[in-house]
Amino acid sequence: MPWNRAMAPVLVTLISIPMVFANAWKVTEVQTINSKINQKVYLMPVALLILLLLVLQLILAKGMEM
């Protein structure tokens, strides 16, 4: 891959990592409360990612064969 194509993702990564750490230093300690909503919020993204993976593997990957 030519350097001019790879430069944008590399620069975004190099700029964003210090920004993430700088923002993390500002965060104060948060007291969590365990409830059914917290479990649902935790499990829904995992279920949606598994569903997306199944769609990509079972339906779209067959159409991309060369």
PDB file of N, CA and C in Angstrom:
ATOM      1  N   MET A   1       0.845  -1.175   0.000  1.00  0.00           N
ATOM      2  CA  MET A   1       0.000   0.000   0.000  1.00  0.00           C
ATOM      3  C   MET A   1       0.893   1.242   0.000  1.00  0.00           C
ATOM      4  N   PRO A   2       0.594   2.196  -0.853  1.00  0.00           N
ATOM      5  CA  PRO A   2       1.374   3.424  -0.862  1.00  0.00           C
ATOM      6  C   PRO A   2       1.205   4.208   0.449  1.00  0.00           C
ATOM      7  N   TRP A   3       2.229   4.959   0.790  1.00  0.00           N
ATOM      8  CA  TRP A   3       2.216   5.688   2.064  1.00  0.00           C
ATOM      9  C   TRP A   3       1.099   6.722   2.116  1.00  0.00           C
ATOM     10  N   ASN A   4       0.768   7.347   0.982  1.00  0.00           N
ATOM     11  CA  ASN A   4      -0.262   8.385   1.018  1.00  0.00           C
ATOM     12  C   ASN A   4      -1.639   7.804   1.331  1.00  0.00           C
ATOM     13  N   ARG A   5      -1.892   6.543   1.053  1.00  0.00           N
ATOM     14  CA  ARG A   5      -3.148   5.906   1.452  1.00  0.00           C
ATOM     15  C   ARG A   5      -3.125   5.511   2.922  1.00  0.00           C
ATOM     16  N   ALA A   6      -1.998   5.089   3.422  1.00  0.00           N
ATOM     17  CA  ALA A   6      -1.899   4.619   4.806  1.00  0.00           C
ATOM     18  C   ALA A   6      -1.717   5.765   5.791  1.00  0.00           C
ATOM     19  N   MET A   7      -1.402   6.945   5.312  1.00  0.00           N
ATOM     20  CA  MET A   7      -1.106   8.060   6.209  1.00  0.00           C
ATOM     21  C   MET A   7      -2.330   8.502   7.026  1.00  0.00           C
ATOM     22  N   ALA A   8      -3.506   8.548   6.427  1.00  0.00           N
ATOM     23  CA  ALA A   8      -4.698   9.026   7.143  1.00  0.00           C
ATOM     24  C   ALA A   8      -5.044   8.147   8.345  1.00  0.00           C
ATOM     25  N   PRO A   9      -5.159   6.819   8.210  1.00  0.00           N
ATOM     26  CA  PRO A   9      -5.463   6.011   9.397  1.00  0.00           C
ATOM     27  C   PRO A   9      -4.371   6.074  10.457  1.00  0.00           C
ATOM     28  N   VAL A  10      -3.116   6.169  10.034  1.00  0.00           N
ATOM     29  CA  VAL A  10      -2.015   6.248  10.995  1.00  0.00           C
ATOM     30  C   VAL A  10      -2.090   7.565  11.763  1.00  0.00           C
ATOM     31  N   LEU A  11      -2.326   8.667  11.075  1.00  0.00           N
ATOM     32  CA  LEU A  11      -2.412   9.963  11.745  1.00  0.00           C
ATOM     33  C   LEU A  11      -3.621  10.043  12.673  1.00  0.00           C
ATOM     34  N   VAL A  12      -4.758   9.490  12.236  1.00  0.00           N
ATOM     35  CA  VAL A  12      -5.945   9.489  13.096  1.00  0.00           C
ATOM     36  C   VAL A  12      -5.670   8.694  14.362  1.00  0.00           C
ATOM     37  N   THR A  13      -5.012   7.565  14.236  1.00  0.00           N
ATOM     38  CA  THR A  13      -4.677   6.753  15.407  1.00  0.00           C
ATOM     39  C   THR A  13      -3.717   7.486  16.324  1.00  0.00           C
ATOM     40  N   LEU A  14      -2.684   8.091  15.772  1.00  0.00           N
ATOM     41  CA  LEU A  14      -1.700   8.790  16.594  1.00  0.00           C
ATOM     42  C   LEU A  14      -2.290  10.016  17.293  1.00  0.00           C
ATOM     43  N   ILE A  15      -3.268  10.644  16.677  1.00  0.00           N
ATOM     44  CA  ILE A  15      -3.899  11.810  17.292  1.00  0.00           C
ATOM     45  C   ILE A  15      -4.944  11.391  18.318  1.00  0.00           C
ATOM     46  N   SER A  16      -5.697  10.330  18.020  1.00  0.00           N
ATOM     47  CA  SER A  16      -6.818   9.969  18.892  1.00  0.00           C
ATOM     48  C   SER A  16      -6.387   9.278  20.177  1.00  0.00           C
ATOM     49  N   ILE A  17      -5.302   8.526  20.180  1.00  0.00           N
ATOM     50  CA  ILE A  17      -4.875   7.827  21.405  1.00  0.00           C
ATOM     51  C   ILE A  17      -4.546   8.817  22.521  1.00  0.00           C
ATOM     52  N   PRO A  18      -3.752   9.858  22.295  1.00  0.00           N
ATOM     53  CA  PRO A  18      -3.541  10.829  23.381  1.00  0.00           C
ATOM     54  C   PRO A  18      -4.818  11.540  23.807  1.00  0.00           C
ATOM     55  N   MET A  19      -5.738  11.766  22.877  1.00  0.00           N
ATOM     56  CA  MET A  19      -7.000  12.410  23.246  1.00  0.00           C
ATOM     57  C   MET A  19      -7.822  11.512  24.169  1.00  0.00           C
ATOM     58  N   VAL A  20      -7.820  10.214  23.929  1.00  0.00           N
ATOM     59  CA  VAL A  20      -8.552   9.282  24.789  1.00  0.00           C
ATOM     60  C   VAL A  20      -7.950   9.278  26.182  1.00  0.00           C
ATOM     61  N   PHE A  21      -6.626   9.230  26.281  1.00  0.00           N
ATOM     62  CA  PHE A  21      -5.978   9.241  27.588  1.00  0.00           C
ATOM     63  C   PHE A  21      -6.206  10.568  28.312  1.00  0.00           C
ATOM     64  N   ALA A  22      -6.173  11.675  27.586  1.00  0.00           N
ATOM     65  CA  ALA A  22      -6.406  12.975  28.218  1.00  0.00           C
ATOM     66  C   ALA A  22      -7.827  13.062  28.762  1.00  0.00           C
ATOM     67  N   ASN A  23      -8.785  12.526  28.042  1.00  0.00           N
ATOM     68  CA  ASN A  23     -10.156  12.537  28.522  1.00  0.00           C
ATOM     69  C   ASN A  23     -10.323  11.590  29.711  1.00  0.00           C
ATOM     70  N   ALA A  24      -9.618  10.484  29.739  1.00  0.00           N
ATOM     71  CA  ALA A  24      -9.734   9.526  30.844  1.00  0.00           C
ATOM     72  C   ALA A  24      -9.198  10.113  32.141  1.00  0.00           C
ATOM     73  N   TRP A  25      -8.238  11.014  32.075  1.00  0.00           N
ATOM     74  CA  TRP A  25      -7.705  11.611  33.299  1.00  0.00           C
ATOM     75  C   TRP A  25      -8.741  12.509  33.968  1.00  0.00           C
ATOM     76  N   LYS A  26      -9.695  13.056  33.217  1.00  0.00           N
ATOM     77  CA  LYS A  26     -10.709  13.944  33.775  1.00  0.00           C
ATOM     78  C   LYS A  26     -11.825  13.193  34.499  1.00  0.00           C
ATOM     79  N   VAL A  27     -12.036  11.928  34.160  1.00  0.00           N
ATOM     80  CA  VAL A  27     -13.184  11.181  34.659  1.00  0.00           C
ATOM     81  C   VAL A  27     -13.031  10.920  36.153  1.00  0.00           C
ATOM     82  N   THR A  28     -14.093  11.194  36.886  1.00  0.00           N
ATOM     83  CA  THR A  28     -14.093  10.906  38.322  1.00  0.00           C
ATOM     84  C   THR A  28     -14.692   9.524  38.543  1.00  0.00           C
ATOM     85  N   GLU A  29     -14.538   9.014  39.747  1.00  0.00           N
ATOM     86  CA  GLU A  29     -15.034   7.679  40.060  1.00  0.00           C
ATOM     87  C   GLU A  29     -16.562   7.677  40.054  1.00  0.00           C
ATOM     88  N   VAL A  30     -17.124   6.644  39.466  1.00  0.00           N
ATOM     89  CA  VAL A  30     -18.574   6.534  39.339  1.00  0.00           C
ATOM     90  C   VAL A  30     -19.040   5.331  40.148  1.00  0.00           C
ATOM     91  N   GLN A  31     -20.074   5.525  40.944  1.00  0.00           N
ATOM     92  CA  GLN A  31     -20.669   4.423  41.696  1.00  0.00           C
ATOM     93  C   GLN A  31     -21.720   3.752  40.813  1.00  0.00           C
ATOM     94  N   THR A  32     -21.557   2.471  40.566  1.00  0.00           N
ATOM     95  CA  THR A  32     -22.508   1.750  39.720  1.00  0.00           C
ATOM     96  C   THR A  32     -23.586   1.096  40.566  1.00  0.00           C
ATOM     97  N   ILE A  33     -24.736   0.922  39.970  1.00  0.00           N
ATOM     98  CA  ILE A  33     -25.861   0.254  40.615  1.00  0.00           C
ATOM     99  C   ILE A  33     -26.243  -0.922  39.724  1.00  0.00           C
ATOM    100  N   ASN A  34     -26.199  -2.120  40.258  1.00  0.00           N
ATOM    101  CA  ASN A  34     -26.569  -3.294  39.475  1.00  0.00           C
ATOM    102  C   ASN A  34     -28.089  -3.377  39.371  1.00  0.00           C
ATOM    103  N   SER A  35     -28.567  -3.505  38.157  1.00  0.00           N
ATOM    104  CA  SER A  35     -29.995  -3.649  37.924  1.00  0.00           C
ATOM    105  C   SER A  35     -30.192  -4.415  36.626  1.00  0.00           C
ATOM    106  N   LYS A  36     -31.450  -4.718  36.321  1.00  0.00           N
ATOM    107  CA  LYS A  36     -31.750  -5.445  35.085  1.00  0.00           C
ATOM    108  C   LYS A  36     -31.424  -4.608  33.854  1.00  0.00           C
ATOM    109  N   ILE A  37     -31.562  -3.308  33.956  1.00  0.00           N
ATOM    110  CA  ILE A  37     -31.254  -2.431  32.813  1.00  0.00           C
ATOM    111  C   ILE A  37     -29.769  -2.508  32.488  1.00  0.00           C
ATOM    112  N   ASN A  38     -28.913  -2.528  33.489  1.00  0.00           N
ATOM    113  CA  ASN A  38     -27.472  -2.620  33.233  1.00  0.00           C
ATOM    114  C   ASN A  38     -27.133  -3.919  32.519  1.00  0.00           C
ATOM    115  N   GLN A  39     -27.757  -5.012  32.896  1.00  0.00           N
ATOM    116  CA  GLN A  39     -27.488  -6.282  32.231  1.00  0.00           C
ATOM    117  C   GLN A  39     -27.974  -6.260  30.786  1.00  0.00           C
ATOM    118  N   LYS A  40     -29.117  -5.621  30.537  1.00  0.00           N
ATOM    119  CA  LYS A  40     -29.644  -5.539  29.179  1.00  0.00           C
ATOM    120  C   LYS A  40     -28.735  -4.684  28.301  1.00  0.00           C
ATOM    121  N   VAL A  41     -28.271  -3.574  28.825  1.00  0.00           N
ATOM    122  CA  VAL A  41     -27.388  -2.698  28.059  1.00  0.00           C
ATOM    123  C   VAL A  41     -26.084  -3.419  27.735  1.00  0.00           C
ATOM    124  N   TYR A  42     -25.658  -4.291  28.629  1.00  0.00           N
ATOM    125  CA  TYR A  42     -24.420  -5.032  28.409  1.00  0.00           C
ATOM    126  C   TYR A  42     -24.603  -6.134  27.370  1.00  0.00           C
ATOM    127  N   LEU A  43     -25.737  -6.815  27.388  1.00  0.00           N
ATOM    128  CA  LEU A  43     -25.937  -7.968  26.511  1.00  0.00           C
ATOM    129  C   LEU A  43     -26.434  -7.595  25.115  1.00  0.00           C
ATOM    130  N   MET A  44     -27.166  -6.505  24.966  1.00  0.00           N
ATOM    131  CA  MET A  44     -27.720  -6.154  23.654  1.00  0.00           C
ATOM    132  C   MET A  44     -26.648  -5.898  22.593  1.00  0.00           C
ATOM    133  N   PRO A  45     -25.584  -5.138  22.868  1.00  0.00           N
ATOM    134  CA  PRO A  45     -24.568  -4.955  21.824  1.00  0.00           C
ATOM    135  C   PRO A  45     -23.892  -6.262  21.423  1.00  0.00           C
ATOM    136  N   VAL A  46     -23.676  -7.155  22.385  1.00  0.00           N
ATOM    137  CA  VAL A  46     -23.058  -8.445  22.070  1.00  0.00           C
ATOM    138  C   VAL A  46     -23.982  -9.252  21.165  1.00  0.00           C
ATOM    139  N   ALA A  47     -25.266  -9.277  21.480  1.00  0.00           N
ATOM    140  CA  ALA A  47     -26.222 -10.013  20.650  1.00  0.00           C
ATOM    141  C   ALA A  47     -26.302  -9.409  19.247  1.00  0.00           C
ATOM    142  N   LEU A  48     -26.302  -8.088  19.138  1.00  0.00           N
ATOM    143  CA  LEU A  48     -26.363  -7.450  17.822  1.00  0.00           C
ATOM    144  C   LEU A  48     -25.097  -7.701  17.009  1.00  0.00           C
ATOM    145  N   LEU A  49     -23.944  -7.736  17.657  1.00  0.00           N
ATOM    146  CA  LEU A  49     -22.711  -8.037  16.936  1.00  0.00           C
ATOM    147  C   LEU A  49     -22.691  -9.465  16.421  1.00  0.00           C
ATOM    148  N   ILE A  50     -23.198 -10.404  17.221  1.00  0.00           N
ATOM    149  CA  ILE A  50     -23.270 -11.794  16.768  1.00  0.00           C
ATOM    150  C   ILE A  50     -24.234 -11.911  15.591  1.00  0.00           C
ATOM    151  N   LEU A  51     -25.368 -11.222  15.665  1.00  0.00           N
ATOM    152  CA  LEU A  51     -26.322 -11.229  14.563  1.00  0.00           C
ATOM    153  C   LEU A  51     -25.710 -10.640  13.294  1.00  0.00           C
ATOM    154  N   LEU A  52     -24.984  -9.545  13.419  1.00  0.00           N
ATOM    155  CA  LEU A  52     -24.328  -8.933  12.269  1.00  0.00           C
ATOM    156  C   LEU A  52     -23.286  -9.865  11.667  1.00  0.00           C
ATOM    157  N   LEU A  53     -22.524 -10.543  12.510  1.00  0.00           N
ATOM    158  CA  LEU A  53     -21.535 -11.500  12.013  1.00  0.00           C
ATOM    159  C   LEU A  53     -22.208 -12.636  11.254  1.00  0.00           C
ATOM    160  N   LEU A  54     -23.320 -13.137  11.780  1.00  0.00           N
ATOM    161  CA  LEU A  54     -24.034 -14.207  11.085  1.00  0.00           C
ATOM    162  C   LEU A  54     -24.549 -13.736   9.733  1.00  0.00           C
ATOM    163  N   VAL A  55     -25.090 -12.524   9.659  1.00  0.00           N
ATOM    164  CA  VAL A  55     -25.574 -11.998   8.384  1.00  0.00           C
ATOM    165  C   VAL A  55     -24.428 -11.880   7.388  1.00  0.00           C
ATOM    166  N   LEU A  56     -23.313 -11.343   7.844  1.00  0.00           N
ATOM    167  CA  LEU A  56     -22.178 -11.180   6.930  1.00  0.00           C
ATOM    168  C   LEU A  56     -21.639 -12.518   6.455  1.00  0.00           C
ATOM    169  N   GLN A  57     -21.541 -13.489   7.347  1.00  0.00           N
ATOM    170  CA  GLN A  57     -20.962 -14.775   6.984  1.00  0.00           C
ATOM    171  C   GLN A  57     -21.909 -15.639   6.153  1.00  0.00           C
ATOM    172  N   LEU A  58     -23.173 -15.661   6.512  1.00  0.00           N
ATOM    173  CA  LEU A  58     -24.104 -16.589   5.848  1.00  0.00           C
ATOM    174  C   LEU A  58     -24.735 -16.022   4.577  1.00  0.00           C
ATOM    175  N   ILE A  59     -24.936 -14.725   4.534  1.00  0.00           N
ATOM    176  CA  ILE A  59     -25.650 -14.154   3.380  1.00  0.00           C
ATOM    177  C   ILE A  59     -24.704 -13.385   2.468  1.00  0.00           C
ATOM    178  N   LEU A  60     -23.988 -12.424   3.007  1.00  0.00           N
ATOM    179  CA  LEU A  60     -23.192 -11.558   2.143  1.00  0.00           C
ATOM    180  C   LEU A  60     -21.904 -12.195   1.650  1.00  0.00           C
ATOM    181  N   ALA A  61     -21.292 -13.066   2.424  1.00  0.00           N
ATOM    182  CA  ALA A  61     -20.018 -13.657   2.007  1.00  0.00           C
ATOM    183  C   ALA A  61     -20.200 -14.549   0.781  1.00  0.00           C
ATOM    184  N   LYS A  62     -21.352 -15.182   0.635  1.00  0.00           N
ATOM    185  CA  LYS A  62     -21.584 -16.027  -0.535  1.00  0.00           C
ATOM    186  C   LYS A  62     -21.675 -15.204  -1.813  1.00  0.00           C
ATOM    187  N   GLY A  63     -22.138 -13.978  -1.705  1.00  0.00           N
ATOM    188  CA  GLY A  63     -22.228 -13.124  -2.879  1.00  0.00           C
ATOM    189  C   GLY A  63     -20.907 -12.493  -3.256  1.00  0.00           C
ATOM    190  N   MET A  64     -19.909 -12.537  -2.353  1.00  0.00           N
ATOM    191  CA  MET A  64     -18.619 -11.922  -2.620  1.00  0.00           C
ATOM    192  C   MET A  64     -17.586 -12.893  -3.169  1.00  0.00           C
ATOM    193  N   GLU A  65     -17.953 -14.150  -3.368  1.00  0.00           N
ATOM    194  CA  GLU A  65     -16.978 -15.121  -3.862  1.00  0.00           C
ATOM    195  C   GLU A  65     -16.537 -14.727  -5.264  1.00  0.00           C
ATOM    196  N   MET A  66     -15.260 -14.945  -5.520  1.00  0.00           N
ATOM    197  CA  MET A  66     -14.719 -14.589  -6.834  1.00  0.00           C
ATOM    198  C   MET A  66     -14.436 -15.823  -7.639  1.00  0.00           C
TER     199      MET A  66
END
